[in-house]
Amino acid sequence: MVYDIKRPEYAFTQPETLEIFQVFLKFFHNLQPIKYPGFAFTWLELISNKYFMQTALSTQEIWPDYHLLLLSLFKFFKQNSELLNSPYMQTFYKGAPLT
């Protein structure tokens, strides 16, 4: 869906695209890994998707909402700090959009 929003044949205006992305950001915030740890890898894939992240970072109006997602990511790392040496957390950390 994130990819389809940018397709020219749908002809979404910039305000419409912004509104749709804000819905995605709020939805992803509600699905954060602290609440749903079994969904953590999928959540990470969604927030670091190249189409989603490119739009989020190139649109200043939604930076605060994307910032909340990154805070959720850091909270998840902090909550699971004792597991950081586990293969699961090492793989999750490598996939994080931090580098």
C-alpha atoms as a PDB file:
ATOM      1  CA  MET A   1       0.000   0.000   0.000  1.00  0.00           C
ATOM      2  CA  VAL A   2       2.862   2.366   0.765  1.00  0.00           C
ATOM      3  CA  TYR A   3       4.225   1.863  -2.731  1.00  0.00           C
ATOM      4  CA  ASP A   4       0.795   2.289  -4.351  1.00  0.00           C
ATOM      5  CA  ILE A   5       0.208   5.687  -2.752  1.00  0.00           C
ATOM      6  CA  LYS A   6       3.065   7.099  -4.810  1.00  0.00           C
ATOM      7  CA  ARG A   7       1.871   5.628  -8.123  1.00  0.00           C
ATOM      8  CA  PRO A   8       1.047   8.388 -10.652  1.00  0.00           C
ATOM      9  CA  GLU A   9      -2.160   6.758 -11.899  1.00  0.00           C
ATOM     10  CA  TYR A  10      -3.807   7.321  -8.496  1.00  0.00           C
ATOM     11  CA  ALA A  11      -2.939  11.026  -8.620  1.00  0.00           C
ATOM     12  CA  PHE A  12      -3.029  11.655  -4.873  1.00  0.00           C
ATOM     13  CA  THR A  13      -2.316  15.263  -4.017  1.00  0.00           C
ATOM     14  CA  GLN A  14       0.460  16.117  -1.568  1.00  0.00           C
ATOM     15  CA  PRO A  15      -2.007  16.825   1.297  1.00  0.00           C
ATOM     16  CA  GLU A  16      -3.792  13.510   0.630  1.00  0.00           C
ATOM     17  CA  THR A  17      -0.492  11.630   0.602  1.00  0.00           C
ATOM     18  CA  LEU A  18       0.517  13.345   3.828  1.00  0.00           C
ATOM     19  CA  GLU A  19      -2.762  12.403   5.484  1.00  0.00           C
ATOM     20  CA  ILE A  20      -2.457   8.765   4.395  1.00  0.00           C
ATOM     21  CA  PHE A  21       1.106   8.564   5.701  1.00  0.00           C
ATOM     22  CA  GLN A  22       0.033  10.035   9.028  1.00  0.00           C
ATOM     23  CA  VAL A  23      -2.547   7.249   9.325  1.00  0.00           C
ATOM     24  CA  PHE A  24       0.192   4.702   8.616  1.00  0.00           C
ATOM     25  CA  LEU A  25       2.470   6.313  11.201  1.00  0.00           C
ATOM     26  CA  LYS A  26      -0.211   6.228  13.887  1.00  0.00           C
ATOM     27  CA  PHE A  27      -1.079   2.643  13.013  1.00  0.00           C
ATOM     28  CA  PHE A  28       2.582   1.580  13.174  1.00  0.00           C
ATOM     29  CA  HIS A  29       2.941   3.377  16.490  1.00  0.00           C
ATOM     30  CA  ASN A  30       0.042   1.344  17.872  1.00  0.00           C
ATOM     31  CA  LEU A  31       1.741  -1.869  16.689  1.00  0.00           C
ATOM     32  CA  GLN A  32       5.081  -1.085  18.320  1.00  0.00           C
ATOM     33  CA  PRO A  33       7.252  -4.028  19.405  1.00  0.00           C
ATOM     34  CA  ILE A  34       6.863  -3.348  23.129  1.00  0.00           C
ATOM     35  CA  LYS A  35       3.148  -4.102  22.816  1.00  0.00           C
ATOM     36  CA  TYR A  36       3.465  -6.881  20.222  1.00  0.00           C
ATOM     37  CA  PRO A  37       6.955  -8.437  20.419  1.00  0.00           C
ATOM     38  CA  GLY A  38       5.955 -11.289  18.105  1.00  0.00           C
ATOM     39  CA  PHE A  39       5.343  -8.705  15.374  1.00  0.00           C
ATOM     40  CA  ALA A  40       8.678  -6.921  15.935  1.00  0.00           C
ATOM     41  CA  PHE A  41      10.488  -8.025  12.773  1.00  0.00           C
ATOM     42  CA  THR A  42       7.522  -7.226  10.550  1.00  0.00           C
ATOM     43  CA  TRP A  43       7.073  -3.875  12.279  1.00  0.00           C
ATOM     44  CA  LEU A  44      10.735  -3.088  11.682  1.00  0.00           C
ATOM     45  CA  GLU A  45      10.374  -3.992   8.009  1.00  0.00           C
ATOM     46  CA  LEU A  46       7.359  -1.693   7.706  1.00  0.00           C
ATOM     47  CA  ILE A  47       8.950   1.372   9.320  1.00  0.00           C
ATOM     48  CA  SER A  48      12.221   0.950   7.432  1.00  0.00           C
ATOM     49  CA  ASN A  49      10.648   0.223   4.045  1.00  0.00           C
ATOM     50  CA  LYS A  50      12.447   2.318   1.425  1.00  0.00           C
ATOM     51  CA  TYR A  51       9.249   3.900   0.078  1.00  0.00           C
ATOM     52  CA  PHE A  52       7.823   4.609   3.502  1.00  0.00           C
ATOM     53  CA  MET A  53      11.027   5.906   5.040  1.00  0.00           C
ATOM     54  CA  GLN A  54      11.870   8.047   2.020  1.00  0.00           C
ATOM     55  CA  THR A  55       8.513   9.808   2.223  1.00  0.00           C
ATOM     56  CA  ALA A  56       8.633  10.099   6.005  1.00  0.00           C
ATOM     57  CA  LEU A  57      12.064  11.692   5.998  1.00  0.00           C
ATOM     58  CA  SER A  58      11.444  13.975   3.037  1.00  0.00           C
ATOM     59  CA  THR A  59       8.250  15.461   4.507  1.00  0.00           C
ATOM     60  CA  GLN A  60       8.919  17.678   7.509  1.00  0.00           C
ATOM     61  CA  GLU A  61       5.270  17.680   8.596  1.00  0.00           C
ATOM     62  CA  ILE A  62       5.456  14.003   9.544  1.00  0.00           C
ATOM     63  CA  TRP A  63       8.893  14.010  11.172  1.00  0.00           C
ATOM     64  CA  PRO A  64       7.406  14.153  14.704  1.00  0.00           C
ATOM     65  CA  ASP A  65       5.304  11.053  13.980  1.00  0.00           C
ATOM     66  CA  TYR A  66       8.276   9.158  12.544  1.00  0.00           C
ATOM     67  CA  HIS A  67      10.277  10.306  15.549  1.00  0.00           C
ATOM     68  CA  LEU A  68       7.754   8.472  17.768  1.00  0.00           C
ATOM     69  CA  LEU A  69       8.410   5.273  15.825  1.00  0.00           C
ATOM     70  CA  LEU A  70      12.143   5.586  16.382  1.00  0.00           C
ATOM     71  CA  LEU A  71      11.533   6.222  20.083  1.00  0.00           C
ATOM     72  CA  SER A  72       9.427   3.063  20.188  1.00  0.00           C
ATOM     73  CA  LEU A  73      12.342   1.205  18.621  1.00  0.00           C
ATOM     74  CA  PHE A  74      14.761   2.526  21.249  1.00  0.00           C
ATOM     75  CA  LYS A  75      12.336   1.648  24.056  1.00  0.00           C
ATOM     76  CA  PHE A  76      12.168  -1.885  22.698  1.00  0.00           C
ATOM     77  CA  PHE A  77      15.969  -2.102  22.740  1.00  0.00           C
ATOM     78  CA  LYS A  78      16.067  -0.754  26.298  1.00  0.00           C
ATOM     79  CA  GLN A  79      13.356  -3.143  27.504  1.00  0.00           C
ATOM     80  CA  ASN A  80      15.262  -6.082  26.017  1.00  0.00           C
ATOM     81  CA  SER A  81      18.759  -4.913  26.891  1.00  0.00           C
ATOM     82  CA  GLU A  82      19.558  -8.175  28.671  1.00  0.00           C
ATOM     83  CA  LEU A  83      18.833 -10.012  25.418  1.00  0.00           C
ATOM     84  CA  LEU A  84      21.077  -7.864  23.191  1.00  0.00           C
ATOM     85  CA  ASN A  85      23.609 -10.693  22.896  1.00  0.00           C
ATOM     86  CA  SER A  86      20.972 -13.135  21.687  1.00  0.00           C
ATOM     87  CA  PRO A  87      20.948 -13.940  17.945  1.00  0.00           C
ATOM     88  CA  TYR A  88      17.355 -12.689  17.765  1.00  0.00           C
ATOM     89  CA  MET A  89      18.179  -9.219  19.087  1.00  0.00           C
ATOM     90  CA  GLN A  90      21.424  -8.976  17.115  1.00  0.00           C
ATOM     91  CA  THR A  91      19.530  -9.646  13.896  1.00  0.00           C
ATOM     92  CA  PHE A  92      16.813  -7.188  14.900  1.00  0.00           C
ATOM     93  CA  TYR A  93      19.419  -4.527  15.735  1.00  0.00           C
ATOM     94  CA  LYS A  94      21.175  -5.000  12.386  1.00  0.00           C
ATOM     95  CA  GLY A  95      17.882  -4.403  10.595  1.00  0.00           C
ATOM     96  CA  ALA A  96      17.137  -1.181  12.460  1.00  0.00           C
ATOM     97  CA  PRO A  97      17.327   2.012  10.376  1.00  0.00           C
ATOM     98  CA  LEU A  98      20.039   3.476  12.592  1.00  0.00           C
ATOM     99  CA  THR A  99      23.150   3.301  10.474  1.00  0.00           C
END
